N, C-alpha and C. Protein backbone atom coordinates (compact mmCIF):
# COMPACT_ATOMS: atom_id res chain seq x y z
N ASP A 1 -7.66 90.58 -1.05
CA ASP A 1 -7.69 90.12 0.44
C ASP A 1 -6.78 90.87 1.31
N VAL A 2 -7.20 91.06 2.51
CA VAL A 2 -6.39 91.70 3.59
C VAL A 2 -5.75 90.68 4.41
N TYR A 3 -4.64 90.67 4.61
CA TYR A 3 -3.83 89.61 5.34
C TYR A 3 -3.22 90.11 6.79
N LYS A 4 -3.38 89.28 7.60
CA LYS A 4 -2.56 89.59 8.83
C LYS A 4 -1.20 88.92 8.62
N ARG A 5 -0.04 89.70 8.94
CA ARG A 5 1.31 89.17 8.81
C ARG A 5 1.90 88.93 10.19
N GLN A 6 2.76 88.00 10.33
CA GLN A 6 3.47 87.86 11.69
C GLN A 6 4.88 87.33 11.41
N THR A 7 5.75 87.87 12.30
CA THR A 7 7.17 87.45 12.19
C THR A 7 7.80 87.60 13.56
N GLY A 8 8.92 87.01 13.79
CA GLY A 8 9.67 86.97 14.96
C GLY A 8 11.13 86.96 14.78
N ILE A 9 11.90 87.25 15.90
CA ILE A 9 13.44 87.34 15.72
C ILE A 9 13.97 86.83 16.99
N CYS A 10 15.15 86.25 16.78
CA CYS A 10 15.87 85.72 18.06
C CYS A 10 16.47 86.96 18.85
N LEU A 11 16.52 86.94 20.12
CA LEU A 11 17.00 88.00 20.90
C LEU A 11 18.62 88.10 20.78
N TRP A 12 19.26 86.99 21.20
CA TRP A 12 20.75 87.02 21.00
C TRP A 12 21.03 85.82 20.12
N ASP A 13 22.16 85.98 19.43
CA ASP A 13 22.61 84.93 18.54
C ASP A 13 23.64 84.00 19.13
N CYS A 14 24.36 83.29 18.45
CA CYS A 14 25.24 82.23 19.02
C CYS A 14 26.55 82.70 19.78
N ARG A 15 26.60 84.03 19.77
CA ARG A 15 27.59 84.78 20.58
C ARG A 15 27.33 84.67 22.12
N TRP A 16 26.01 84.35 22.47
CA TRP A 16 25.65 84.23 23.81
C TRP A 16 26.08 82.73 24.22
N LYS A 17 27.17 82.65 25.08
CA LYS A 17 27.70 81.27 25.32
C LYS A 17 28.37 81.09 26.58
N ILE A 18 28.67 80.00 26.99
CA ILE A 18 29.41 79.73 28.37
C ILE A 18 30.69 78.99 27.97
N GLU A 19 31.73 79.35 28.59
CA GLU A 19 33.06 78.62 28.46
C GLU A 19 33.30 77.92 29.82
N PHE A 20 33.44 76.57 29.76
CA PHE A 20 33.66 75.75 31.10
C PHE A 20 35.16 75.43 31.20
N HIS A 21 35.63 75.49 32.40
CA HIS A 21 36.94 74.94 32.66
C HIS A 21 36.93 73.36 32.31
N HIS A 22 37.99 72.78 31.86
CA HIS A 22 38.06 71.36 31.79
C HIS A 22 38.40 70.75 33.22
N LYS A 23 37.99 69.45 33.24
CA LYS A 23 38.14 68.74 34.45
C LYS A 23 39.63 68.71 34.76
N SER A 24 40.44 68.67 33.72
CA SER A 24 41.95 68.54 33.94
C SER A 24 42.41 70.13 33.82
N ALA A 25 43.03 70.41 34.75
CA ALA A 25 43.62 71.92 34.62
C ALA A 25 44.50 72.38 33.38
N ASN A 26 45.18 71.27 32.93
CA ASN A 26 46.04 71.51 31.86
C ASN A 26 45.40 71.34 30.49
N LYS A 27 44.13 71.12 30.38
CA LYS A 27 43.48 70.92 29.16
C LYS A 27 42.45 72.03 28.92
N LYS A 28 42.20 72.27 27.62
CA LYS A 28 41.24 73.31 27.30
C LYS A 28 39.86 73.05 27.43
N GLY A 29 39.05 73.92 28.00
CA GLY A 29 37.63 73.59 28.30
C GLY A 29 36.79 73.66 27.09
N VAL A 30 35.51 73.44 27.37
CA VAL A 30 34.58 73.49 26.30
C VAL A 30 33.68 74.83 26.33
N THR A 31 33.27 75.24 25.07
CA THR A 31 32.39 76.47 24.93
C THR A 31 31.23 76.03 24.29
N LYS A 32 30.01 76.41 24.86
CA LYS A 32 28.74 76.08 24.45
C LYS A 32 27.83 77.37 24.19
N THR A 33 27.08 77.36 23.11
CA THR A 33 26.22 78.48 23.05
C THR A 33 24.90 78.21 23.79
N LEU A 34 24.31 79.42 24.24
CA LEU A 34 22.99 79.14 25.02
C LEU A 34 21.80 79.49 24.07
N SER A 35 22.17 79.90 22.91
CA SER A 35 21.01 80.32 22.10
C SER A 35 20.19 79.07 21.48
N LEU A 36 20.86 78.01 21.35
CA LEU A 36 20.35 76.77 20.74
C LEU A 36 19.80 75.84 21.81
N LYS A 37 18.76 75.22 21.77
CA LYS A 37 18.27 74.39 22.73
C LYS A 37 19.16 73.21 23.15
N LYS A 38 19.47 72.45 22.17
CA LYS A 38 20.35 71.26 22.48
C LYS A 38 21.66 71.73 23.12
N SER A 39 22.23 72.69 22.65
CA SER A 39 23.54 73.22 23.37
C SER A 39 23.21 73.84 24.61
N ARG A 40 22.13 74.47 24.98
CA ARG A 40 21.75 74.92 26.16
C ARG A 40 21.58 73.82 27.15
N ASP A 41 20.87 72.83 26.76
CA ASP A 41 20.58 71.72 27.57
C ASP A 41 21.86 71.00 28.07
N HIS A 42 22.93 71.00 27.14
CA HIS A 42 24.20 70.47 27.41
C HIS A 42 24.92 71.24 28.54
N CYS A 43 24.70 72.57 28.32
CA CYS A 43 25.31 73.53 29.29
C CYS A 43 24.73 73.32 30.72
N LEU A 44 23.54 73.24 30.80
CA LEU A 44 22.81 73.09 32.10
C LEU A 44 23.21 71.68 32.70
N LYS A 45 23.38 70.75 31.81
CA LYS A 45 23.88 69.33 32.26
C LYS A 45 25.28 69.48 33.03
N LEU A 46 26.14 70.30 32.25
CA LEU A 46 27.49 70.48 32.73
C LEU A 46 27.51 71.25 34.12
N ILE A 47 26.63 72.25 34.20
CA ILE A 47 26.39 73.07 35.48
C ILE A 47 25.99 72.14 36.47
N SER A 48 25.00 71.29 36.12
CA SER A 48 24.48 70.41 37.21
C SER A 48 25.51 69.42 37.79
N LYS A 49 26.53 69.16 36.99
CA LYS A 49 27.76 68.29 37.45
C LYS A 49 28.80 69.09 38.13
N ASN A 50 28.54 70.40 38.35
CA ASN A 50 29.44 71.36 39.04
C ASN A 50 30.61 71.47 38.25
N ARG A 51 30.56 71.58 36.94
CA ARG A 51 31.59 72.00 36.13
C ARG A 51 31.82 73.57 36.43
N LYS A 52 32.99 73.96 36.55
CA LYS A 52 33.35 75.36 36.77
C LYS A 52 33.33 76.24 35.45
N ILE A 53 32.56 77.36 35.64
CA ILE A 53 32.35 78.29 34.57
C ILE A 53 33.62 79.20 34.49
N LYS A 54 34.15 79.31 33.38
CA LYS A 54 35.31 80.30 33.10
C LYS A 54 34.76 81.60 32.70
N HIS A 55 33.86 81.73 31.73
CA HIS A 55 33.28 82.91 31.24
C HIS A 55 31.83 82.79 30.76
N ILE A 56 31.23 83.79 30.83
CA ILE A 56 29.85 83.81 30.14
C ILE A 56 29.90 85.02 29.19
N PHE A 57 29.74 84.73 27.92
CA PHE A 57 29.81 85.75 26.85
C PHE A 57 28.29 86.16 26.48
N VAL A 58 28.13 87.60 26.53
CA VAL A 58 26.89 88.08 26.11
C VAL A 58 27.02 89.17 25.08
N PRO A 59 26.45 88.94 23.93
CA PRO A 59 26.55 90.11 22.90
C PRO A 59 25.89 91.45 23.21
N LYS A 60 26.53 92.57 23.05
CA LYS A 60 25.96 93.94 23.49
C LYS A 60 25.59 94.54 22.19
N THR A 61 25.93 94.05 21.01
CA THR A 61 25.55 94.75 19.64
C THR A 61 24.89 93.70 18.71
N PHE A 62 24.36 94.29 17.77
CA PHE A 62 23.63 93.30 16.70
C PHE A 62 24.79 92.41 16.18
N GLY A 63 24.56 91.28 15.77
CA GLY A 63 25.35 90.39 15.16
C GLY A 63 25.02 90.25 13.63
N GLU A 64 25.82 89.57 12.82
CA GLU A 64 25.58 89.41 11.37
C GLU A 64 24.05 88.84 11.26
N TYR A 65 23.71 87.85 12.03
CA TYR A 65 22.30 87.40 12.02
C TYR A 65 21.30 88.47 12.01
N HIS A 66 21.46 89.43 13.00
CA HIS A 66 20.37 90.44 13.19
C HIS A 66 20.45 91.43 11.88
N LEU A 67 21.58 91.81 11.40
CA LEU A 67 21.80 92.71 10.50
C LEU A 67 21.03 92.05 9.11
N ARG A 68 21.36 90.91 8.91
CA ARG A 68 20.74 90.14 7.72
C ARG A 68 19.27 90.06 7.84
N TYR A 69 18.83 89.77 9.07
CA TYR A 69 17.33 89.63 9.31
C TYR A 69 16.71 90.97 9.14
N PHE A 70 17.27 92.05 9.62
CA PHE A 70 16.62 93.25 9.45
C PHE A 70 16.54 93.74 7.96
N ALA A 71 17.55 93.42 7.19
CA ALA A 71 17.60 93.83 5.74
C ALA A 71 16.50 92.95 5.10
N TRP A 72 16.45 91.63 5.40
CA TRP A 72 15.53 90.64 4.83
C TRP A 72 14.10 91.14 5.04
N LEU A 73 13.89 91.53 6.40
CA LEU A 73 12.54 91.88 6.88
C LEU A 73 12.12 93.27 6.19
N ARG A 74 12.99 94.18 6.01
CA ARG A 74 12.74 95.42 5.26
C ARG A 74 12.33 95.16 3.89
N GLU A 75 12.96 94.14 3.20
CA GLU A 75 12.66 93.87 1.85
C GLU A 75 11.31 93.23 1.83
N LYS A 76 10.97 92.27 2.80
CA LYS A 76 9.70 91.61 2.71
C LYS A 76 8.47 92.50 3.01
N ILE A 77 8.68 93.47 3.98
CA ILE A 77 7.61 94.39 4.38
C ILE A 77 7.28 95.27 3.15
N SER A 78 8.36 95.61 2.32
CA SER A 78 8.03 96.48 1.23
C SER A 78 7.24 95.76 0.07
N LEU A 79 7.19 94.44 0.13
CA LEU A 79 6.53 93.69 -0.86
C LEU A 79 5.13 93.30 -0.36
N LEU A 80 4.68 93.55 0.84
CA LEU A 80 3.44 93.13 1.33
C LEU A 80 2.36 93.92 0.65
N ASP A 81 1.25 93.21 0.43
CA ASP A 81 0.05 93.79 -0.27
C ASP A 81 -0.97 94.31 0.63
N ASN A 82 -0.77 95.49 1.20
CA ASN A 82 -1.61 96.15 2.10
C ASN A 82 -2.17 95.31 3.30
N PRO A 83 -1.36 94.91 4.20
CA PRO A 83 -1.71 94.16 5.30
C PRO A 83 -2.43 94.99 6.34
N ARG A 84 -3.39 94.51 7.08
CA ARG A 84 -4.02 95.34 8.07
C ARG A 84 -3.30 95.48 9.37
N ARG A 85 -2.79 94.28 9.71
CA ARG A 85 -1.93 94.23 10.97
C ARG A 85 -0.63 93.45 10.70
N ILE A 86 0.37 93.76 11.36
CA ILE A 86 1.64 92.96 11.43
C ILE A 86 1.94 92.62 12.90
N PHE A 87 1.94 91.31 13.19
CA PHE A 87 2.34 90.92 14.54
C PHE A 87 3.85 90.55 14.60
N VAL A 88 4.49 91.06 15.56
CA VAL A 88 5.95 90.77 15.78
C VAL A 88 6.12 90.17 17.23
N HIS A 89 6.93 89.16 17.24
CA HIS A 89 7.29 88.40 18.58
C HIS A 89 8.68 88.59 18.78
N ILE A 90 9.14 89.40 19.74
CA ILE A 90 10.49 89.52 20.29
C ILE A 90 10.50 88.84 21.59
N PRO A 91 11.26 87.81 21.62
CA PRO A 91 11.15 86.65 22.72
C PRO A 91 11.84 87.00 24.06
N LEU A 92 11.66 88.26 24.48
CA LEU A 92 12.27 88.67 25.83
C LEU A 92 11.94 87.74 26.82
N ASP A 93 10.51 87.36 27.01
CA ASP A 93 10.20 86.59 28.19
C ASP A 93 10.77 85.19 28.20
N GLU A 94 10.92 84.63 26.95
CA GLU A 94 11.57 83.36 26.73
C GLU A 94 12.95 83.27 27.20
N TYR A 95 13.58 84.41 26.74
CA TYR A 95 15.20 84.38 27.12
C TYR A 95 15.34 84.56 28.61
N LEU A 96 14.42 85.37 29.31
CA LEU A 96 14.50 85.45 30.80
C LEU A 96 14.28 84.05 31.36
N VAL A 97 13.54 83.27 30.81
CA VAL A 97 13.32 81.80 31.33
C VAL A 97 14.65 81.16 31.28
N HIS A 98 15.41 81.26 30.09
CA HIS A 98 16.54 80.65 29.80
C HIS A 98 17.61 81.19 30.82
N ILE A 99 17.55 82.49 30.99
CA ILE A 99 18.54 83.06 32.09
C ILE A 99 18.20 82.53 33.49
N ASP A 100 16.97 82.45 33.81
CA ASP A 100 16.59 81.78 35.27
C ASP A 100 17.25 80.41 35.26
N LEU A 101 17.11 79.58 34.07
CA LEU A 101 17.53 78.25 34.34
C LEU A 101 19.13 78.16 34.56
N VAL A 102 19.82 79.16 33.92
CA VAL A 102 21.26 79.30 34.20
C VAL A 102 21.54 79.79 35.51
N GLU A 103 20.84 80.76 36.00
CA GLU A 103 21.04 81.20 37.40
C GLU A 103 20.79 80.05 38.49
N ARG A 104 19.64 79.27 38.19
CA ARG A 104 19.41 78.13 39.10
C ARG A 104 20.59 77.27 39.16
N GLY A 105 21.22 77.06 37.99
CA GLY A 105 22.27 76.07 37.80
C GLY A 105 23.51 76.54 38.62
N VAL A 106 23.92 77.78 38.45
CA VAL A 106 25.02 78.43 38.98
C VAL A 106 24.77 78.75 40.60
N GLY A 107 23.62 78.72 40.96
CA GLY A 107 23.24 79.08 42.34
C GLY A 107 23.12 80.57 42.75
N LYS A 108 23.07 81.34 41.83
CA LYS A 108 23.07 82.87 42.13
C LYS A 108 22.47 83.63 40.95
N ARG A 109 21.97 84.80 41.36
CA ARG A 109 21.35 85.68 40.27
C ARG A 109 22.47 86.32 39.55
N ILE A 110 22.25 86.67 38.20
CA ILE A 110 23.15 87.33 37.39
C ILE A 110 22.40 88.50 36.74
N PRO A 111 22.31 89.48 37.53
CA PRO A 111 21.52 90.72 37.12
C PRO A 111 21.94 91.33 35.75
N GLU A 112 23.21 91.24 35.45
CA GLU A 112 23.78 91.78 34.25
C GLU A 112 23.14 91.13 32.88
N LEU A 113 22.89 89.79 32.99
CA LEU A 113 22.16 89.09 31.93
C LEU A 113 20.76 89.66 31.58
N ARG A 114 20.09 89.82 32.78
CA ARG A 114 18.80 90.39 32.60
C ARG A 114 18.68 91.74 32.10
N LYS A 115 19.68 92.54 32.50
CA LYS A 115 19.72 93.95 32.20
C LYS A 115 20.01 93.87 30.57
N LEU A 116 21.00 93.20 30.17
CA LEU A 116 21.32 93.12 28.75
C LEU A 116 20.23 92.60 27.92
N ALA A 117 19.50 91.71 28.46
CA ALA A 117 18.40 91.13 27.65
C ALA A 117 17.32 92.08 27.31
N HIS A 118 16.92 92.94 28.42
CA HIS A 118 16.06 94.00 28.25
C HIS A 118 16.50 95.11 27.29
N GLU A 119 17.89 95.40 27.39
CA GLU A 119 18.30 96.49 26.58
C GLU A 119 18.32 95.94 25.08
N THR A 120 18.74 94.72 24.91
CA THR A 120 18.75 94.20 23.46
C THR A 120 17.26 94.12 22.96
N ALA A 121 16.27 93.68 23.74
CA ALA A 121 14.95 93.67 23.23
C ALA A 121 14.52 94.99 22.85
N THR A 122 14.80 96.15 23.60
CA THR A 122 14.47 97.42 23.29
C THR A 122 15.10 97.89 21.90
N LEU A 123 16.37 97.59 21.78
CA LEU A 123 17.16 97.88 20.48
C LEU A 123 16.51 97.20 19.34
N ILE A 124 16.02 95.98 19.39
CA ILE A 124 15.41 95.29 18.42
C ILE A 124 14.13 95.84 18.11
N ARG A 125 13.27 96.15 19.11
CA ARG A 125 12.01 96.71 18.81
C ARG A 125 12.13 98.07 18.17
N ASN A 126 13.10 98.88 18.53
CA ASN A 126 13.24 100.19 17.85
C ASN A 126 13.51 100.08 16.40
N GLU A 127 14.44 98.91 16.22
CA GLU A 127 14.87 98.72 14.71
C GLU A 127 13.60 98.32 13.88
N VAL A 128 12.82 97.43 14.61
CA VAL A 128 11.67 96.85 13.74
C VAL A 128 10.62 97.97 13.64
N GLU A 129 10.46 98.83 14.70
CA GLU A 129 9.51 99.92 14.36
C GLU A 129 10.02 100.81 13.28
N ASP A 130 11.27 101.01 13.11
CA ASP A 130 11.80 101.88 12.08
C ASP A 130 11.52 101.12 10.73
N ILE A 131 11.65 99.88 10.61
CA ILE A 131 11.36 99.10 9.40
C ILE A 131 9.90 99.27 9.13
N MET A 132 9.10 99.08 10.13
CA MET A 132 7.67 99.15 9.80
C MET A 132 7.12 100.39 9.39
N LYS A 133 7.83 101.51 9.58
CA LYS A 133 7.38 102.75 9.14
C LYS A 133 7.03 102.74 7.75
N GLY A 134 7.61 101.85 6.92
CA GLY A 134 7.25 101.78 5.48
C GLY A 134 6.01 101.21 5.26
N SER A 135 5.20 100.60 6.11
CA SER A 135 4.03 100.01 6.00
C SER A 135 2.77 100.87 6.70
N ASN A 136 1.58 100.79 6.21
CA ASN A 136 0.46 101.44 6.85
C ASN A 136 -0.28 100.60 7.84
N ALA A 137 0.30 99.38 8.10
CA ALA A 137 -0.32 98.35 8.92
C ALA A 137 -0.24 98.73 10.35
N GLU A 138 -1.20 98.32 11.18
CA GLU A 138 -0.99 98.29 12.59
C GLU A 138 0.08 97.42 13.14
N VAL A 139 1.15 97.78 13.66
CA VAL A 139 2.12 96.86 14.18
C VAL A 139 1.89 96.49 15.67
N ILE A 140 1.68 95.13 15.93
CA ILE A 140 1.30 94.77 17.26
C ILE A 140 2.46 93.70 17.78
N PHE A 141 3.18 94.03 18.83
CA PHE A 141 4.16 93.16 19.49
C PHE A 141 3.48 92.29 20.44
N VAL A 142 3.62 90.98 20.28
CA VAL A 142 3.04 89.97 21.09
C VAL A 142 4.02 89.40 22.02
N GLN A 143 3.71 89.13 23.25
CA GLN A 143 4.48 88.43 24.27
C GLN A 143 3.52 87.39 24.91
N PRO A 144 3.49 86.21 24.37
CA PRO A 144 2.62 85.15 24.80
C PRO A 144 2.71 84.74 26.33
N MET A 145 3.93 84.76 26.86
CA MET A 145 4.13 84.44 28.19
C MET A 145 3.52 85.41 29.14
N SER A 146 3.87 86.75 29.04
CA SER A 146 3.30 87.69 29.91
C SER A 146 2.11 88.19 29.60
N GLN A 147 1.63 88.17 28.35
CA GLN A 147 0.29 88.67 27.88
C GLN A 147 -0.72 87.59 28.03
N HIS A 148 -0.46 86.38 27.81
CA HIS A 148 -1.43 85.23 27.72
C HIS A 148 -1.22 84.13 28.62
N GLY A 149 -0.27 84.34 29.52
CA GLY A 149 -0.10 83.26 30.65
C GLY A 149 0.54 81.86 30.16
N ILE A 150 1.14 82.03 29.04
CA ILE A 150 1.83 80.73 28.53
C ILE A 150 3.14 80.41 29.37
N ALA A 151 3.18 79.29 29.92
CA ALA A 151 4.30 78.92 30.84
C ALA A 151 5.55 78.29 30.21
N ASP A 152 5.30 77.50 29.05
CA ASP A 152 6.53 76.83 28.41
C ASP A 152 6.92 77.73 27.26
N THR A 153 8.26 77.74 27.15
CA THR A 153 8.93 78.58 26.09
C THR A 153 8.49 78.25 24.68
N LEU A 154 8.53 76.79 24.39
CA LEU A 154 8.13 76.25 23.12
C LEU A 154 6.70 76.53 22.91
N ASP A 155 5.85 76.43 23.78
CA ASP A 155 4.52 76.75 23.52
C ASP A 155 4.26 78.12 23.21
N SER A 156 5.17 78.96 23.82
CA SER A 156 5.15 80.51 23.60
C SER A 156 5.49 80.83 22.11
N TYR A 157 6.51 80.20 21.72
CA TYR A 157 6.98 80.36 20.31
C TYR A 157 5.81 79.94 19.37
N LEU A 158 5.18 78.97 19.63
CA LEU A 158 4.09 78.34 18.83
C LEU A 158 2.78 79.06 18.92
N TRP A 159 2.68 79.89 19.99
CA TRP A 159 1.34 80.56 20.26
C TRP A 159 0.95 81.40 19.10
N PRO A 160 1.71 82.28 18.55
CA PRO A 160 1.14 83.19 17.47
C PRO A 160 0.66 82.35 16.29
N TYR A 161 1.29 81.29 16.05
CA TYR A 161 0.80 80.47 14.76
C TYR A 161 -0.35 79.72 15.08
N ARG A 162 -0.46 79.37 16.30
CA ARG A 162 -1.64 78.48 16.52
C ARG A 162 -2.85 79.23 16.96
N GLU A 163 -2.65 80.35 17.65
CA GLU A 163 -3.81 81.10 18.25
C GLU A 163 -4.30 82.34 17.55
N LEU A 164 -3.33 82.99 16.95
CA LEU A 164 -3.92 84.28 16.22
C LEU A 164 -4.82 83.96 15.15
N PRO A 165 -4.70 82.88 14.45
CA PRO A 165 -5.79 82.61 13.44
C PRO A 165 -7.11 82.27 14.16
N LYS A 166 -7.18 81.75 15.33
CA LYS A 166 -8.46 81.52 15.93
C LYS A 166 -8.95 82.81 16.55
N ILE A 167 -8.12 83.77 17.03
CA ILE A 167 -8.64 85.01 17.55
C ILE A 167 -9.19 85.83 16.38
N TYR A 168 -8.51 85.77 15.20
CA TYR A 168 -9.03 86.59 13.88
C TYR A 168 -9.65 85.50 13.04
N GLU A 169 -10.54 84.82 13.47
CA GLU A 169 -11.24 83.76 12.68
C GLU A 169 -11.69 84.21 11.29
N GLY A 170 -11.42 83.50 10.39
CA GLY A 170 -11.91 83.93 9.09
C GLY A 170 -11.01 84.85 8.23
N GLU A 171 -10.02 85.37 8.93
CA GLU A 171 -8.97 86.30 8.23
C GLU A 171 -7.75 85.50 7.87
N LYS A 172 -7.10 85.97 6.76
CA LYS A 172 -6.02 85.20 6.24
C LYS A 172 -4.78 85.69 6.96
N PHE A 173 -3.80 84.70 7.20
CA PHE A 173 -2.55 85.03 7.83
C PHE A 173 -1.45 84.54 6.93
N ILE A 174 -0.24 85.19 6.99
CA ILE A 174 0.96 84.68 6.38
C ILE A 174 2.00 84.99 7.38
N ALA A 175 2.85 84.02 7.67
CA ALA A 175 3.99 84.18 8.53
C ALA A 175 5.19 84.38 7.69
N VAL A 176 5.93 85.48 8.05
CA VAL A 176 7.08 85.98 7.48
C VAL A 176 8.31 85.45 8.23
N GLU A 177 8.90 84.18 7.87
CA GLU A 177 9.88 83.54 8.59
C GLU A 177 11.02 83.06 7.71
N ASN A 178 12.19 82.88 8.36
CA ASN A 178 13.31 82.30 7.57
C ASN A 178 13.14 80.83 7.65
N LEU A 179 13.84 80.09 6.78
CA LEU A 179 13.61 78.71 6.55
C LEU A 179 13.72 77.92 7.81
N VAL A 180 14.84 78.28 8.66
CA VAL A 180 14.98 77.57 9.97
C VAL A 180 13.74 77.49 10.90
N GLU A 181 13.05 78.57 10.86
CA GLU A 181 11.87 78.65 11.71
C GLU A 181 10.62 78.18 11.06
N PHE A 182 10.66 77.68 9.85
CA PHE A 182 9.43 77.24 9.13
C PHE A 182 8.71 76.17 9.91
N ARG A 183 9.48 75.26 10.65
CA ARG A 183 9.03 74.22 11.39
C ARG A 183 7.92 74.59 12.43
N LEU A 184 7.94 75.98 12.88
CA LEU A 184 7.07 76.40 13.73
C LEU A 184 5.60 76.46 13.18
N ILE A 185 5.41 76.51 11.98
CA ILE A 185 4.13 76.73 11.43
C ILE A 185 3.56 75.43 10.81
N LEU A 186 4.31 74.35 10.86
CA LEU A 186 3.86 73.21 10.04
C LEU A 186 2.53 72.59 10.66
N ASP A 187 2.27 72.64 11.85
CA ASP A 187 0.93 72.15 12.43
C ASP A 187 -0.02 73.20 12.71
N SER A 188 0.12 74.39 12.07
CA SER A 188 -0.75 75.47 12.38
C SER A 188 -1.54 75.73 11.08
N PRO A 189 -2.69 76.43 11.23
CA PRO A 189 -3.48 76.88 10.02
C PRO A 189 -2.77 77.79 9.09
N ILE A 190 -1.57 78.36 9.47
CA ILE A 190 -0.89 79.22 8.64
C ILE A 190 -0.22 78.46 7.57
N ALA A 191 0.21 77.29 7.80
CA ALA A 191 0.95 76.37 6.86
C ALA A 191 0.06 76.30 5.54
N VAL A 192 -1.26 76.29 5.68
CA VAL A 192 -2.13 76.10 4.37
C VAL A 192 -1.97 77.48 3.65
N SER A 193 -1.86 78.68 4.25
CA SER A 193 -1.68 79.89 3.64
C SER A 193 -0.28 79.86 2.88
N TYR A 194 0.75 79.50 3.63
CA TYR A 194 2.10 79.30 3.03
C TYR A 194 2.14 78.50 1.77
N THR A 195 1.52 77.39 1.94
CA THR A 195 1.44 76.36 0.78
C THR A 195 0.84 76.99 -0.42
N HIS A 196 -0.29 77.66 -0.17
CA HIS A 196 -1.02 78.29 -1.25
C HIS A 196 -0.21 79.48 -1.90
N LEU A 197 0.54 80.13 -1.03
CA LEU A 197 1.39 81.23 -1.59
C LEU A 197 2.50 80.69 -2.46
N ARG A 198 3.17 79.67 -1.93
CA ARG A 198 4.36 79.04 -2.73
C ARG A 198 3.78 78.52 -4.07
N ALA A 199 2.44 77.85 -4.08
CA ALA A 199 1.95 77.32 -5.25
C ALA A 199 1.73 78.44 -6.27
N HIS A 200 1.26 79.60 -5.70
CA HIS A 200 0.97 80.79 -6.63
C HIS A 200 2.19 81.30 -7.20
N GLU A 201 3.39 81.36 -6.40
CA GLU A 201 4.65 81.90 -6.92
C GLU A 201 5.28 80.94 -7.88
N THR A 202 5.11 79.61 -7.69
CA THR A 202 5.91 78.67 -8.62
C THR A 202 4.95 78.30 -9.87
N GLY A 203 3.60 78.57 -9.57
CA GLY A 203 2.68 78.10 -10.78
C GLY A 203 2.43 76.55 -10.52
N ARG A 204 2.76 76.12 -9.31
CA ARG A 204 2.39 74.59 -9.02
C ARG A 204 1.39 74.33 -7.97
């Protein structure tokens, strides 16, 4: 069988965060990451209440998460059984939406954030392309928001799992994801492939 494979990676890790001043000048403020939705929503809530921002931290290098992901991806790619295509989602468009929300909250543009987001996406793509050199598959980078007009970030994350099996109807897909992201495929046709693969591996 010839499979289509797909995988994705976060642009920034939990080092992307905002430090707020405390309401009382003599107390320590709160720091929240922007990489996680619940924490990001809390940040936007504080911004809407006019809480003053002390610092915005943005990682300029790969973190432990990225290094482990690249090592893990390299291992998984080496084990694939002659896939025809490998789809990769680097969520630049989605992070630009998050940045836009922060900018709206603070009432001004922050061009440095956008510049760093593009630079990080390029670094990740270069690393992924280097990893994929070990495969004969066609590597396709997907951007559901800009390429397919998806407006919502969550819908964009879900798009490859829901729509690619329809576009390539009748062909088998396997998602290469870490456990945290497994929830993305639970309501998609790819979950059936994953269940079949696990049953084959465990003999159950």
